[in-house]
Full PDB file with SEQRES, HELIX, SHEET, SSBOND, CRYST1, ORIGX, SCALE, CONECT and MASTER records, all heavy atoms in Angstrom:
SEQRES   1 A   35  THR ASN PHE ASN LYS ASN VAL VAL GLY PHE MET ASP GLU          
SEQRES   2 A   35  THR TYR GLN ALA LEU ASN ASN TYR ALA TRP PRO GLY ASN          
SEQRES   3 A   35  LEU ARG GLU LEU GLU ASN THR ILE GLU                          
HELIX    1 AA1 ASP A   12  ASN A   20  1                                   9    
HELIX    2 AA2 ASN A   26  ILE A   34  1                                   9    
CRYST1    1.000    1.000    1.000  90.00  90.00  90.00 P 1           1          
ORIGX1      1.000000  0.000000  0.000000        0.00000                         
ORIGX2      0.000000  1.000000  0.000000        0.00000                         
ORIGX3      0.000000  0.000000  1.000000        0.00000                         
SCALE1      1.000000  0.000000  0.000000        0.00000                         
SCALE2      0.000000  1.000000  0.000000        0.00000                         
SCALE3      0.000000  0.000000  1.000000        0.00000                         
ATOM      1  N   THR A   1       9.224 -19.634   7.749  1.00  0.00           N  
ATOM      2  CA  THR A   1       9.734 -20.973   7.428  1.00  0.00           C  
ATOM      3  C   THR A   1       9.476 -21.941   8.581  1.00  0.00           C  
ATOM      4  O   THR A   1       9.013 -23.065   8.369  1.00  0.00           O  
ATOM      5  CB  THR A   1      11.244 -20.904   7.129  1.00  0.00           C  
ATOM      6  OG1 THR A   1      11.473 -20.023   6.024  1.00  0.00           O  
ATOM      7  CG2 THR A   1      11.789 -22.287   6.804  1.00  0.00           C  
ATOM      8  N   ASN A   2       9.753 -21.488   9.805  1.00  0.00           N  
ATOM      9  CA  ASN A   2       9.578 -22.364  10.973  1.00  0.00           C  
ATOM     10  C   ASN A   2       8.127 -22.812  11.133  1.00  0.00           C  
ATOM     11  O   ASN A   2       7.851 -23.964  11.491  1.00  0.00           O  
ATOM     12  CB  ASN A   2      10.021 -21.646  12.245  1.00  0.00           C  
ATOM     13  CG  ASN A   2      11.534 -21.496  12.325  1.00  0.00           C  
ATOM     14  OD1 ASN A   2      12.264 -22.062  11.509  1.00  0.00           O  
ATOM     15  ND2 ASN A   2      12.006 -20.729  13.290  1.00  0.00           N  
ATOM     16  N   PHE A   3       7.188 -21.877  10.887  1.00  0.00           N  
ATOM     17  CA  PHE A   3       5.775 -22.172  11.093  1.00  0.00           C  
ATOM     18  C   PHE A   3       5.065 -22.588   9.804  1.00  0.00           C  
ATOM     19  O   PHE A   3       3.854 -22.789   9.814  1.00  0.00           O  
ATOM     20  CB  PHE A   3       5.073 -20.946  11.692  1.00  0.00           C  
ATOM     21  CG  PHE A   3       5.650 -20.502  13.015  1.00  0.00           C  
ATOM     22  CD1 PHE A   3       5.841 -19.151  13.282  1.00  0.00           C  
ATOM     23  CD2 PHE A   3       6.006 -21.421  13.982  1.00  0.00           C  
ATOM     24  CE1 PHE A   3       6.380 -18.731  14.488  1.00  0.00           C  
ATOM     25  CE2 PHE A   3       6.544 -21.019  15.193  1.00  0.00           C  
ATOM     26  CZ  PHE A   3       6.728 -19.675  15.451  1.00  0.00           C  
ATOM     27  N   ASN A   4       5.842 -22.676   8.703  1.00  0.00           N  
ATOM     28  CA  ASN A   4       5.282 -23.082   7.414  1.00  0.00           C  
ATOM     29  C   ASN A   4       4.081 -22.217   7.028  1.00  0.00           C  
ATOM     30  O   ASN A   4       3.022 -22.716   6.662  1.00  0.00           O  
ATOM     31  CB  ASN A   4       4.886 -24.561   7.451  1.00  0.00           C  
ATOM     32  CG  ASN A   4       4.618 -25.119   6.065  1.00  0.00           C  
ATOM     33  OD1 ASN A   4       5.179 -24.652   5.070  1.00  0.00           O  
ATOM     34  ND2 ASN A   4       3.754 -26.117   5.977  1.00  0.00           N  
ATOM     35  N   LYS A   5       4.276 -20.897   7.112  1.00  0.00           N  
ATOM     36  CA  LYS A   5       3.213 -19.955   6.777  1.00  0.00           C  
ATOM     37  C   LYS A   5       3.610 -19.137   5.556  1.00  0.00           C  
ATOM     38  O   LYS A   5       4.773 -18.759   5.387  1.00  0.00           O  
ATOM     39  CB  LYS A   5       2.917 -19.028   7.955  1.00  0.00           C  
ATOM     40  CG  LYS A   5       2.332 -19.728   9.176  1.00  0.00           C  
ATOM     41  CD  LYS A   5       1.567 -18.761  10.063  1.00  0.00           C  
ATOM     42  CE  LYS A   5       0.370 -18.159   9.374  1.00  0.00           C  
ATOM     43  NZ  LYS A   5      -0.454 -17.321  10.261  1.00  0.00           N  
ATOM     44  N   ASN A   6       2.636 -18.860   4.711  1.00  0.00           N  
ATOM     45  CA  ASN A   6       2.870 -18.090   3.491  1.00  0.00           C  
ATOM     46  C   ASN A   6       2.762 -16.592   3.793  1.00  0.00           C  
ATOM     47  O   ASN A   6       1.850 -15.912   3.345  1.00  0.00           O  
ATOM     48  CB  ASN A   6       1.866 -18.498   2.409  1.00  0.00           C  
ATOM     49  CG  ASN A   6       2.148 -17.803   1.089  1.00  0.00           C  
ATOM     50  OD1 ASN A   6       3.300 -17.494   0.776  1.00  0.00           O  
ATOM     51  ND2 ASN A   6       1.101 -17.547   0.312  1.00  0.00           N  
ATOM     52  N   VAL A   7       3.695 -16.106   4.582  1.00  0.00           N  
ATOM     53  CA  VAL A   7       3.776 -14.680   4.906  1.00  0.00           C  
ATOM     54  C   VAL A   7       5.051 -14.156   4.260  1.00  0.00           C  
ATOM     55  O   VAL A   7       6.151 -14.640   4.558  1.00  0.00           O  
ATOM     56  CB  VAL A   7       3.809 -14.440   6.430  1.00  0.00           C  
ATOM     57  CG1 VAL A   7       3.844 -12.954   6.741  1.00  0.00           C  
ATOM     58  CG2 VAL A   7       2.604 -15.093   7.091  1.00  0.00           C  
ATOM     59  N   VAL A   8       4.919 -13.182   3.372  1.00  0.00           N  
ATOM     60  CA  VAL A   8       6.068 -12.791   2.545  1.00  0.00           C  
ATOM     61  C   VAL A   8       6.588 -11.388   2.822  1.00  0.00           C  
ATOM     62  O   VAL A   8       7.638 -11.003   2.312  1.00  0.00           O  
ATOM     63  CB  VAL A   8       5.711 -12.911   1.046  1.00  0.00           C  
ATOM     64  CG1 VAL A   8       5.368 -14.358   0.696  1.00  0.00           C  
ATOM     65  CG2 VAL A   8       4.552 -11.990   0.680  1.00  0.00           C  
ATOM     66  N   GLY A   9       5.850 -10.578   3.594  1.00  0.00           N  
ATOM     67  CA  GLY A   9       6.332  -9.221   3.834  1.00  0.00           C  
ATOM     68  C   GLY A   9       5.434  -8.433   4.765  1.00  0.00           C  
ATOM     69  O   GLY A   9       4.546  -8.987   5.426  1.00  0.00           O  
ATOM     70  N   PHE A  10       5.676  -7.123   4.804  1.00  0.00           N  
ATOM     71  CA  PHE A  10       4.950  -6.204   5.682  1.00  0.00           C  
ATOM     72  C   PHE A  10       4.241  -5.135   4.850  1.00  0.00           C  
ATOM     73  O   PHE A  10       4.743  -4.712   3.803  1.00  0.00           O  
ATOM     74  CB  PHE A  10       5.907  -5.489   6.634  1.00  0.00           C  
ATOM     75  CG  PHE A  10       6.653  -6.387   7.578  1.00  0.00           C  
ATOM     76  CD1 PHE A  10       7.852  -6.982   7.194  1.00  0.00           C  
ATOM     77  CD2 PHE A  10       6.167  -6.637   8.853  1.00  0.00           C  
ATOM     78  CE1 PHE A  10       8.555  -7.791   8.065  1.00  0.00           C  
ATOM     79  CE2 PHE A  10       6.861  -7.451   9.732  1.00  0.00           C  
ATOM     80  CZ  PHE A  10       8.062  -8.038   9.332  1.00  0.00           C  
ATOM     81  N   MET A  11       3.084  -4.694   5.312  1.00  0.00           N  
ATOM     82  CA  MET A  11       2.460  -3.511   4.740  1.00  0.00           C  
ATOM     83  C   MET A  11       3.312  -2.290   5.072  1.00  0.00           C  
ATOM     84  O   MET A  11       4.040  -2.271   6.072  1.00  0.00           O  
ATOM     85  CB  MET A  11       1.048  -3.314   5.303  1.00  0.00           C  
ATOM     86  CG  MET A  11       0.049  -4.363   4.902  1.00  0.00           C  
ATOM     87  SD  MET A  11      -1.610  -3.987   5.570  1.00  0.00           S  
ATOM     88  CE  MET A  11      -2.539  -5.349   4.884  1.00  0.00           C  
ATOM     89  N   ASP A  12       3.231  -1.263   4.233  1.00  0.00           N  
ATOM     90  CA  ASP A  12       3.998  -0.042   4.484  1.00  0.00           C  
ATOM     91  C   ASP A  12       3.649   0.560   5.842  1.00  0.00           C  
ATOM     92  O   ASP A  12       4.522   1.072   6.549  1.00  0.00           O  
ATOM     93  CB  ASP A  12       3.747   0.977   3.373  1.00  0.00           C  
ATOM     94  CG  ASP A  12       4.357   0.561   2.039  1.00  0.00           C  
ATOM     95  OD1 ASP A  12       5.268  -0.295   2.061  1.00  0.00           O  
ATOM     96  OD2 ASP A  12       3.925   1.077   0.991  1.00  0.00           O  
ATOM     97  N   GLU A  13       2.362   0.503   6.205  1.00  0.00           N  
ATOM     98  CA  GLU A  13       1.941   1.062   7.497  1.00  0.00           C  
ATOM     99  C   GLU A  13       2.567   0.298   8.671  1.00  0.00           C  
ATOM    100  O   GLU A  13       2.842   0.870   9.722  1.00  0.00           O  
ATOM    101  CB  GLU A  13       0.413   1.015   7.621  1.00  0.00           C  
ATOM    102  CG  GLU A  13      -0.327   1.891   6.611  1.00  0.00           C  
ATOM    103  CD  GLU A  13      -0.617   1.146   5.319  1.00  0.00           C  
ATOM    104  OE1 GLU A  13       0.009   0.079   5.083  1.00  0.00           O  
ATOM    105  OE2 GLU A  13      -1.466   1.621   4.552  1.00  0.00           O  
ATOM    106  N   THR A  14       2.813  -1.009   8.469  1.00  0.00           N  
ATOM    107  CA  THR A  14       3.430  -1.812   9.525  1.00  0.00           C  
ATOM    108  C   THR A  14       4.890  -1.420   9.706  1.00  0.00           C  
ATOM    109  O   THR A  14       5.375  -1.272  10.837  1.00  0.00           O  
ATOM    110  CB  THR A  14       3.327  -3.311   9.197  1.00  0.00           C  
ATOM    111  OG1 THR A  14       1.984  -3.626   8.818  1.00  0.00           O  
ATOM    112  CG2 THR A  14       3.725  -4.154  10.401  1.00  0.00           C  
ATOM    113  N   TYR A  15       5.580  -1.245   8.560  1.00  0.00           N  
ATOM    114  CA  TYR A  15       6.968  -0.760   8.653  1.00  0.00           C  
ATOM    115  C   TYR A  15       7.017   0.574   9.399  1.00  0.00           C  
ATOM    116  O   TYR A  15       7.898   0.811  10.222  1.00  0.00           O  
ATOM    117  CB  TYR A  15       7.547  -0.573   7.258  1.00  0.00           C  
ATOM    118  CG  TYR A  15       8.133  -1.798   6.629  1.00  0.00           C  
ATOM    119  CD1 TYR A  15       7.840  -2.129   5.310  1.00  0.00           C  
ATOM    120  CD2 TYR A  15       9.020  -2.621   7.335  1.00  0.00           C  
ATOM    121  CE1 TYR A  15       8.396  -3.258   4.712  1.00  0.00           C  
ATOM    122  CE2 TYR A  15       9.568  -3.752   6.745  1.00  0.00           C  
ATOM    123  CZ  TYR A  15       9.262  -4.059   5.432  1.00  0.00           C  
ATOM    124  OH  TYR A  15       9.811  -5.172   4.839  1.00  0.00           O  
ATOM    125  N   GLN A  16       6.062   1.449   9.093  1.00  0.00           N  
ATOM    126  CA  GLN A  16       6.035   2.764   9.741  1.00  0.00           C  
ATOM    127  C   GLN A  16       5.840   2.614  11.251  1.00  0.00           C  
ATOM    128  O   GLN A  16       6.518   3.283  12.040  1.00  0.00           O  
ATOM    129  CB  GLN A  16       4.907   3.614   9.149  1.00  0.00           C  
ATOM    130  CG  GLN A  16       4.823   5.017   9.741  1.00  0.00           C  
ATOM    131  CD  GLN A  16       3.690   5.831   9.124  1.00  0.00           C  
ATOM    132  OE1 GLN A  16       3.016   5.368   8.211  1.00  0.00           O  
ATOM    133  NE2 GLN A  16       3.482   7.019   9.635  1.00  0.00           N  
ATOM    134  N   ALA A  17       4.925   1.726  11.636  1.00  0.00           N  
ATOM    135  CA  ALA A  17       4.678   1.513  13.063  1.00  0.00           C  
ATOM    136  C   ALA A  17       5.908   0.934  13.755  1.00  0.00           C  
ATOM    137  O   ALA A  17       6.265   1.341  14.867  1.00  0.00           O  
ATOM    138  CB  ALA A  17       3.482   0.578  13.255  1.00  0.00           C  
ATOM    139  N   LEU A  18       6.588  -0.009  13.097  1.00  0.00           N  
ATOM    140  CA  LEU A  18       7.787  -0.611  13.679  1.00  0.00           C  
ATOM    141  C   LEU A  18       8.908   0.416  13.830  1.00  0.00           C  
ATOM    142  O   LEU A  18       9.619   0.446  14.838  1.00  0.00           O  
ATOM    143  CB  LEU A  18       8.264  -1.782  12.810  1.00  0.00           C  
ATOM    144  CG  LEU A  18       7.343  -3.003  12.733  1.00  0.00           C  
ATOM    145  CD1 LEU A  18       7.872  -4.000  11.706  1.00  0.00           C  
ATOM    146  CD2 LEU A  18       7.194  -3.668  14.092  1.00  0.00           C  
ATOM    147  N   ASN A  19       9.052   1.278  12.821  1.00  0.00           N  
ATOM    148  CA  ASN A  19      10.119   2.282  12.863  1.00  0.00           C  
ATOM    149  C   ASN A  19       9.849   3.374  13.881  1.00  0.00           C  
ATOM    150  O   ASN A  19      10.787   3.970  14.422  1.00  0.00           O  
ATOM    151  CB  ASN A  19      10.303   2.907  11.478  1.00  0.00           C  
ATOM    152  CG  ASN A  19      11.071   2.011  10.526  1.00  0.00           C  
ATOM    153  OD1 ASN A  19      12.018   1.344  10.933  1.00  0.00           O  
ATOM    154  ND2 ASN A  19      10.668   1.981   9.268  1.00  0.00           N  
ATOM    155  N   ASN A  20       8.590   3.654  14.154  1.00  0.00           N  
ATOM    156  CA  ASN A  20       8.244   4.737  15.088  1.00  0.00           C  
ATOM    157  C   ASN A  20       8.302   4.304  16.546  1.00  0.00           C  
ATOM    158  O   ASN A  20       8.234   5.142  17.441  1.00  0.00           O  
ATOM    159  CB  ASN A  20       6.835   5.266  14.784  1.00  0.00           C  
ATOM    160  CG  ASN A  20       6.809   6.113  13.526  1.00  0.00           C  
ATOM    161  OD1 ASN A  20       7.835   6.638  13.092  1.00  0.00           O  
ATOM    162  ND2 ASN A  20       5.633   6.246  12.932  1.00  0.00           N  
ATOM    163  N   TYR A  21       8.428   3.011  16.777  1.00  0.00           N  
ATOM    164  CA  TYR A  21       8.413   2.485  18.147  1.00  0.00           C  
ATOM    165  C   TYR A  21       9.815   2.585  18.759  1.00  0.00           C  
ATOM    166  O   TYR A  21      10.827   2.495  18.057  1.00  0.00           O  
ATOM    167  CB  TYR A  21       7.927   1.041  18.117  1.00  0.00           C  
ATOM    168  CG  TYR A  21       7.753   0.412  19.472  1.00  0.00           C  
ATOM    169  CD1 TYR A  21       6.980   1.023  20.448  1.00  0.00           C  
ATOM    170  CD2 TYR A  21       8.366  -0.801  19.779  1.00  0.00           C  
ATOM    171  CE1 TYR A  21       6.812   0.436  21.691  1.00  0.00           C  
ATOM    172  CE2 TYR A  21       8.198  -1.393  21.013  1.00  0.00           C  
ATOM    173  CZ  TYR A  21       7.425  -0.764  21.964  1.00  0.00           C  
ATOM    174  OH  TYR A  21       7.264  -1.336  23.200  1.00  0.00           O  
ATOM    175  N   ALA A  22       9.891   2.768  20.073  1.00  0.00           N  
ATOM    176  CA  ALA A  22      11.176   2.993  20.753  1.00  0.00           C  
ATOM    177  C   ALA A  22      11.942   1.708  21.039  1.00  0.00           C  
ATOM    178  O   ALA A  22      13.138   1.745  21.299  1.00  0.00           O  
ATOM    179  CB  ALA A  22      10.939   3.738  22.073  1.00  0.00           C  
ATOM    180  N   TRP A  23      11.286   0.549  21.076  1.00  0.00           N  
ATOM    181  CA  TRP A  23      11.897  -0.750  21.332  1.00  0.00           C  
ATOM    182  C   TRP A  23      12.733  -0.770  22.607  1.00  0.00           C  
ATOM    183  O   TRP A  23      13.956  -0.980  22.572  1.00  0.00           O  
ATOM    184  CB  TRP A  23      12.755  -1.194  20.133  1.00  0.00           C  
ATOM    185  CG  TRP A  23      11.953  -1.368  18.890  1.00  0.00           C  
ATOM    186  CD1 TRP A  23      11.981  -0.580  17.778  1.00  0.00           C  
ATOM    187  CD2 TRP A  23      10.953  -2.372  18.641  1.00  0.00           C  
ATOM    188  NE1 TRP A  23      11.074  -1.026  16.848  1.00  0.00           N  
ATOM    189  CE2 TRP A  23      10.430  -2.120  17.346  1.00  0.00           C  
ATOM    190  CE3 TRP A  23      10.473  -3.452  19.381  1.00  0.00           C  
ATOM    191  CZ2 TRP A  23       9.428  -2.903  16.796  1.00  0.00           C  
ATOM    192  CZ3 TRP A  23       9.472  -4.236  18.813  1.00  0.00           C  
ATOM    193  CH2 TRP A  23       8.970  -3.958  17.540  1.00  0.00           C  
ATOM    194  N   PRO A  24      12.109  -0.574  23.758  1.00  0.00           N  
ATOM    195  CA  PRO A  24      12.866  -0.633  25.018  1.00  0.00           C  
ATOM    196  C   PRO A  24      13.479  -1.997  25.269  1.00  0.00           C  
ATOM    197  O   PRO A  24      14.485  -2.113  25.970  1.00  0.00           O  
ATOM    198  CB  PRO A  24      11.814  -0.290  26.078  1.00  0.00           C  
ATOM    199  CG  PRO A  24      10.499  -0.604  25.440  1.00  0.00           C  
ATOM    200  CD  PRO A  24      10.679  -0.278  23.991  1.00  0.00           C  
ATOM    201  N   GLY A  25      12.877  -3.063  24.700  1.00  0.00           N  
ATOM    202  CA  GLY A  25      13.436  -4.407  24.846  1.00  0.00           C  
ATOM    203  C   GLY A  25      14.404  -4.785  23.754  1.00  0.00           C  
ATOM    204  O   GLY A  25      14.891  -5.925  23.706  1.00  0.00           O  
ATOM    205  N   ASN A  26      14.672  -3.844  22.826  1.00  0.00           N  
ATOM    206  CA  ASN A  26      15.661  -4.017  21.764  1.00  0.00           C  
ATOM    207  C   ASN A  26      15.400  -5.257  20.915  1.00  0.00           C  
ATOM    208  O   ASN A  26      14.250  -5.565  20.626  1.00  0.00           O  
ATOM    209  CB  ASN A  26      17.071  -4.020  22.370  1.00  0.00           C  
ATOM    210  CG  ASN A  26      17.449  -2.636  22.884  1.00  0.00           C  
ATOM    211  OD1 ASN A  26      17.586  -1.703  22.109  1.00  0.00           O  
ATOM    212  ND2 ASN A  26      17.576  -2.502  24.201  1.00  0.00           N  
ATOM    213  N   LEU A  27      16.453  -5.985  20.508  1.00  0.00           N  
ATOM    214  CA  LEU A  27      16.297  -7.097  19.574  1.00  0.00           C  
ATOM    215  C   LEU A  27      15.371  -8.184  20.114  1.00  0.00           C  
ATOM    216  O   LEU A  27      14.608  -8.777  19.365  1.00  0.00           O  
ATOM    217  CB  LEU A  27      17.667  -7.721  19.272  1.00  0.00           C  
ATOM    218  CG  LEU A  27      18.622  -6.915  18.394  1.00  0.00           C  
ATOM    219  CD1 LEU A  27      19.952  -7.645  18.270  1.00  0.00           C  
ATOM    220  CD2 LEU A  27      18.024  -6.677  17.024  1.00  0.00           C  
ATOM    221  N   ARG A  28      15.449  -8.411  21.405  1.00  0.00           N  
ATOM    222  CA  ARG A  28      14.612  -9.460  22.007  1.00  0.00           C  
ATOM    223  C   ARG A  28      13.131  -9.130  21.826  1.00  0.00           C  
ATOM    224  O   ARG A  28      12.323  -9.989  21.476  1.00  0.00           O  
ATOM    225  CB  ARG A  28      14.965  -9.601  23.490  1.00  0.00           C  
ATOM    226  CG  ARG A  28      14.309 -10.787  24.166  1.00  0.00           C  
ATOM    227  CD  ARG A  28      14.744 -10.879  25.615  1.00  0.00           C  
ATOM    228  NE  ARG A  28      16.186 -11.075  25.733  1.00  0.00           N  
ATOM    229  CZ  ARG A  28      17.008 -10.274  26.417  1.00  0.00           C  
ATOM    230  NH1 ARG A  28      16.522  -9.218  27.032  1.00  0.00           N  
ATOM    231  NH2 ARG A  28      18.288 -10.534  26.498  1.00  0.00           N  
ATOM    232  N   GLU A  29      12.770  -7.874  22.050  1.00  0.00           N  
ATOM    233  CA  GLU A  29      11.371  -7.470  21.904  1.00  0.00           C  
ATOM    234  C   GLU A  29      10.951  -7.500  20.442  1.00  0.00           C  
ATOM    235  O   GLU A  29       9.833  -7.919  20.114  1.00  0.00           O  
ATOM    236  CB  GLU A  29      11.167  -6.070  22.489  1.00  0.00           C  
ATOM    237  CG  GLU A  29       9.714  -5.612  22.452  1.00  0.00           C  
ATOM    238  CD  GLU A  29       9.519  -4.203  22.991  1.00  0.00           C  
ATOM    239  OE1 GLU A  29      10.523  -3.492  23.211  1.00  0.00           O  
ATOM    240  OE2 GLU A  29       8.345  -3.803  23.167  1.00  0.00           O  
ATOM    241  N   LEU A  30      11.833  -7.044  19.547  1.00  0.00           N  
ATOM    242  CA  LEU A  30      11.510  -7.060  18.118  1.00  0.00           C  
ATOM    243  C   LEU A  30      11.268  -8.475  17.631  1.00  0.00           C  
ATOM    244  O   LEU A  30      10.293  -8.741  16.910  1.00  0.00           O  
ATOM    245  CB  LEU A  30      12.648  -6.412  17.318  1.00  0.00           C  
ATOM    246  CG  LEU A  30      12.492  -6.449  15.793  1.00  0.00           C  
ATOM    247  CD1 LEU A  30      11.271  -5.653  15.348  1.00  0.00           C  
ATOM    248  CD2 LEU A  30      13.748  -5.925  15.105  1.00  0.00           C  
ATOM    249  N   GLU A  31      12.119  -9.406  18.028  1.00  0.00           N  
ATOM    250  CA  GLU A  31      11.969 -10.786  17.564  1.00  0.00           C  
ATOM    251  C   GLU A  31      10.661 -11.393  18.078  1.00  0.00           C  
ATOM    252  O   GLU A  31       9.952 -12.080  17.336  1.00  0.00           O  
ATOM    253  CB  GLU A  31      13.157 -11.635  18.002  1.00  0.00           C  
ATOM    254  CG  GLU A  31      13.086 -13.060  17.496  1.00  0.00           C  
ATOM    255  CD  GLU A  31      14.427 -13.759  17.485  1.00  0.00           C  
ATOM    256  OE1 GLU A  31      15.385 -13.227  18.085  1.00  0.00           O  
ATOM    257  OE2 GLU A  31      14.520 -14.845  16.872  1.00  0.00           O  
ATOM    258  N   ASN A  32      10.331 -11.144  19.341  1.00  0.00           N  
ATOM    259  CA  ASN A  32       9.071 -11.661  19.880  1.00  0.00           C  
ATOM    260  C   ASN A  32       7.874 -11.074  19.150  1.00  0.00           C  
ATOM    261  O   ASN A  32       6.875 -11.756  18.899  1.00  0.00           O  
ATOM    262  CB  ASN A  32       8.973 -11.348  21.373  1.00  0.00           C  
ATOM    263  CG  ASN A  32       9.950 -12.153  22.203  1.00  0.00           C  
ATOM    264  OD1 ASN A  32      10.473 -13.167  21.741  1.00  0.00           O  
ATOM    265  ND2 ASN A  32      10.214 -11.704  23.413  1.00  0.00           N  
ATOM    266  N   THR A  33       7.977  -9.783  18.799  1.00  0.00           N  
ATOM    267  CA  THR A  33       6.889  -9.106  18.089  1.00  0.00           C  
ATOM    268  C   THR A  33       6.681  -9.697  16.705  1.00  0.00           C  
ATOM    269  O   THR A  33       5.541  -9.954  16.283  1.00  0.00           O  
ATOM    270  CB  THR A  33       7.194  -7.596  17.979  1.00  0.00           C  
ATOM    271  OG1 THR A  33       7.270  -7.028  19.295  1.00  0.00           O  
ATOM    272  CG2 THR A  33       6.106  -6.877  17.185  1.00  0.00           C  
ATOM    273  N   ILE A  34       7.780  -9.934  15.975  1.00  0.00           N  
ATOM    274  CA  ILE A  34       7.671 -10.482  14.625  1.00  0.00           C  
ATOM    275  C   ILE A  34       7.185 -11.926  14.666  1.00  0.00           C  
ATOM    276  O   ILE A  34       6.357 -12.338  13.839  1.00  0.00           O  
ATOM    277  CB  ILE A  34       9.027 -10.389  13.888  1.00  0.00           C  
ATOM    278  CG1 ILE A  34       9.498  -8.925  13.817  1.00  0.00           C  
ATOM    279  CG2 ILE A  34       8.911 -10.982  12.489  1.00  0.00           C  
ATOM    280  CD1 ILE A  34       8.518  -7.975  13.171  1.00  0.00           C  
ATOM    281  N   GLU A  35       7.664 -12.698  15.626  1.00  0.00           N  
ATOM    282  CA  GLU A  35       7.215 -14.084  15.755  1.00  0.00           C  
ATOM    283  C   GLU A  35       5.708 -14.139  15.979  1.00  0.00           C  
ATOM    284  O   GLU A  35       4.996 -14.920  15.329  1.00  0.00           O  
ATOM    285  CB  GLU A  35       7.932 -14.773  16.919  1.00  0.00           C  
ATOM    286  CG  GLU A  35       7.516 -16.222  17.123  1.00  0.00           C  
ATOM    287  CD  GLU A  35       8.215 -16.871  18.293  1.00  0.00           C  
ATOM    288  OE1 GLU A  35       8.947 -16.170  19.025  1.00  0.00           O  
ATOM    289  OE2 GLU A  35       8.019 -18.087  18.496  1.00  0.00           O  
TER     290      GLU A  35                                                      
MASTER        0    0    0    2    0    0    0    6  289    1    0    3          
END                                                                             
């Protein structure tokens, strides 16, 4: 919404990659990654 982009979701492989990652930076790192 902020960037006015037509991006509606994630590929299944992307969800898998996100879930398998340890996220040492926690929410801050996740938000930067998604942005």
